[in-house]
Amino acid sequence: MARTPNYNFERQERERLKAQKLAQKAADKAAAKQAAADAAPPKPPTDDQ
């Protein structure tokens, strides 16, 4: 006999997995941005006199 669907739980699980995926993507993007900033040569000082 088939189980009765638990729509609320299934929706919550989909949303949880989606949020987890988005958080991981944001963390990876932030790490890549930090790595790019560290790898970039420092800007020369400007003389605004």
N, C-alpha and C. Protein backbone atom coordinates (compact mmCIF):
# COMPACT_ATOMS: atom_id res chain seq x y z
N MET A 1 0.84 -1.18 0.00
CA MET A 1 0.00 0.00 0.00
C MET A 1 0.89 1.25 0.00
N ALA A 2 0.52 2.22 -0.77
CA ALA A 2 1.31 3.44 -0.89
C ALA A 2 1.16 4.29 0.36
N ARG A 3 2.21 5.03 0.64
CA ARG A 3 2.15 5.92 1.81
C ARG A 3 1.39 7.18 1.46
N THR A 4 0.85 7.80 2.47
CA THR A 4 0.14 9.06 2.23
C THR A 4 1.18 10.17 2.11
N PRO A 5 1.03 11.08 1.17
CA PRO A 5 2.03 12.13 0.99
C PRO A 5 2.01 13.14 2.14
N ASN A 6 3.18 13.57 2.49
CA ASN A 6 3.34 14.59 3.52
C ASN A 6 3.88 15.84 2.80
N TYR A 7 2.97 16.58 2.20
CA TYR A 7 3.36 17.69 1.34
C TYR A 7 4.13 18.77 2.09
N ASN A 8 3.73 19.07 3.31
CA ASN A 8 4.42 20.12 4.06
C ASN A 8 5.87 19.75 4.31
N PHE A 9 6.11 18.52 4.75
CA PHE A 9 7.47 18.08 5.02
C PHE A 9 8.31 18.09 3.74
N GLU A 10 7.74 17.58 2.66
CA GLU A 10 8.48 17.54 1.39
C GLU A 10 8.82 18.95 0.91
N ARG A 11 7.90 19.87 1.05
CA ARG A 11 8.16 21.27 0.66
C ARG A 11 9.25 21.86 1.54
N GLN A 12 9.17 21.62 2.85
CA GLN A 12 10.19 22.14 3.77
C GLN A 12 11.57 21.57 3.44
N GLU A 13 11.63 20.30 3.09
CA GLU A 13 12.91 19.69 2.73
C GLU A 13 13.46 20.31 1.45
N ARG A 14 12.61 20.55 0.46
CA ARG A 14 13.06 21.20 -0.78
C ARG A 14 13.59 22.60 -0.48
N GLU A 15 12.87 23.34 0.34
CA GLU A 15 13.29 24.70 0.68
C GLU A 15 14.59 24.70 1.48
N ARG A 16 14.74 23.73 2.38
CA ARG A 16 15.96 23.63 3.19
C ARG A 16 17.16 23.33 2.30
N LEU A 17 16.99 22.38 1.38
CA LEU A 17 18.09 22.04 0.48
C LEU A 17 18.44 23.21 -0.44
N LYS A 18 17.42 23.93 -0.89
CA LYS A 18 17.66 25.09 -1.75
C LYS A 18 18.41 26.18 -0.98
N ALA A 19 18.01 26.43 0.26
CA ALA A 19 18.69 27.44 1.08
C ALA A 19 20.13 27.03 1.36
N GLN A 20 20.34 25.74 1.61
CA GLN A 20 21.69 25.24 1.86
C GLN A 20 22.56 25.42 0.62
N LYS A 21 22.01 25.13 -0.54
CA LYS A 21 22.74 25.28 -1.80
C LYS A 21 23.08 26.75 -2.05
N LEU A 22 22.12 27.64 -1.80
CA LEU A 22 22.37 29.07 -2.00
C LEU A 22 23.43 29.59 -1.03
N ALA A 23 23.40 29.12 0.22
CA ALA A 23 24.39 29.55 1.20
C ALA A 23 25.79 29.08 0.80
N GLN A 24 25.88 27.85 0.30
CA GLN A 24 27.18 27.33 -0.15
C GLN A 24 27.69 28.13 -1.34
N LYS A 25 26.79 28.46 -2.26
CA LYS A 25 27.17 29.24 -3.44
C LYS A 25 27.66 30.63 -3.02
N ALA A 26 26.98 31.25 -2.07
CA ALA A 26 27.38 32.57 -1.59
C ALA A 26 28.74 32.51 -0.89
N ALA A 27 28.97 31.45 -0.12
CA ALA A 27 30.25 31.29 0.56
C ALA A 27 31.38 31.09 -0.45
N ASP A 28 31.13 30.29 -1.48
CA ASP A 28 32.13 30.08 -2.52
C ASP A 28 32.43 31.38 -3.26
N LYS A 29 31.39 32.16 -3.52
CA LYS A 29 31.56 33.42 -4.23
C LYS A 29 32.37 34.40 -3.38
N ALA A 30 32.09 34.45 -2.07
CA ALA A 30 32.82 35.34 -1.18
C ALA A 30 34.29 34.91 -1.08
N ALA A 31 34.53 33.60 -1.04
CA ALA A 31 35.90 33.10 -0.98
C ALA A 31 36.65 33.44 -2.27
N ALA A 32 35.99 33.31 -3.41
CA ALA A 32 36.62 33.65 -4.68
C ALA A 32 36.92 35.15 -4.75
N LYS A 33 36.01 35.96 -4.24
CA LYS A 33 36.23 37.41 -4.24
C LYS A 33 37.41 37.77 -3.35
N GLN A 34 37.50 37.12 -2.19
CA GLN A 34 38.61 37.37 -1.27
C GLN A 34 39.93 36.92 -1.90
N ALA A 35 39.92 35.78 -2.56
CA ALA A 35 41.14 35.27 -3.20
C ALA A 35 41.57 36.21 -4.32
N ALA A 36 40.63 36.74 -5.07
CA ALA A 36 40.95 37.67 -6.15
C ALA A 36 41.51 38.97 -5.58
N ALA A 37 40.97 39.42 -4.46
CA ALA A 37 41.46 40.65 -3.84
C ALA A 37 42.87 40.45 -3.29
N ASP A 38 43.14 39.26 -2.76
CA ASP A 38 44.47 38.97 -2.23
C ASP A 38 45.50 38.84 -3.35
N ALA A 39 45.08 38.33 -4.50
CA ALA A 39 45.99 38.10 -5.61
C ALA A 39 46.26 39.38 -6.41
N ALA A 40 45.39 40.36 -6.30
CA ALA A 40 45.56 41.59 -7.07
C ALA A 40 46.74 42.39 -6.51
N PRO A 41 47.50 43.02 -7.39
CA PRO A 41 48.62 43.84 -6.90
C PRO A 41 48.08 45.05 -6.15
N PRO A 42 48.79 45.50 -5.15
CA PRO A 42 48.31 46.66 -4.38
C PRO A 42 48.32 47.92 -5.25
N LYS A 43 47.38 48.78 -5.00
CA LYS A 43 47.29 50.02 -5.76
C LYS A 43 48.38 50.99 -5.29
N PRO A 44 49.00 51.70 -6.21
CA PRO A 44 50.04 52.65 -5.80
C PRO A 44 49.39 53.83 -5.07
N PRO A 45 50.09 54.40 -4.14
CA PRO A 45 49.53 55.55 -3.42
C PRO A 45 49.40 56.75 -4.36
N THR A 46 48.41 57.55 -4.12
CA THR A 46 48.20 58.74 -4.95
C THR A 46 48.63 59.97 -4.17
N ASP A 47 49.20 60.92 -4.88
CA ASP A 47 49.59 62.19 -4.27
C ASP A 47 48.56 63.23 -4.66
N ASP A 48 47.70 63.56 -3.74
CA ASP A 48 46.64 64.54 -3.99
C ASP A 48 46.99 65.84 -3.29
N GLN A 49 48.09 66.44 -3.69
CA GLN A 49 48.51 67.67 -3.04
C GLN A 49 48.32 68.85 -3.93
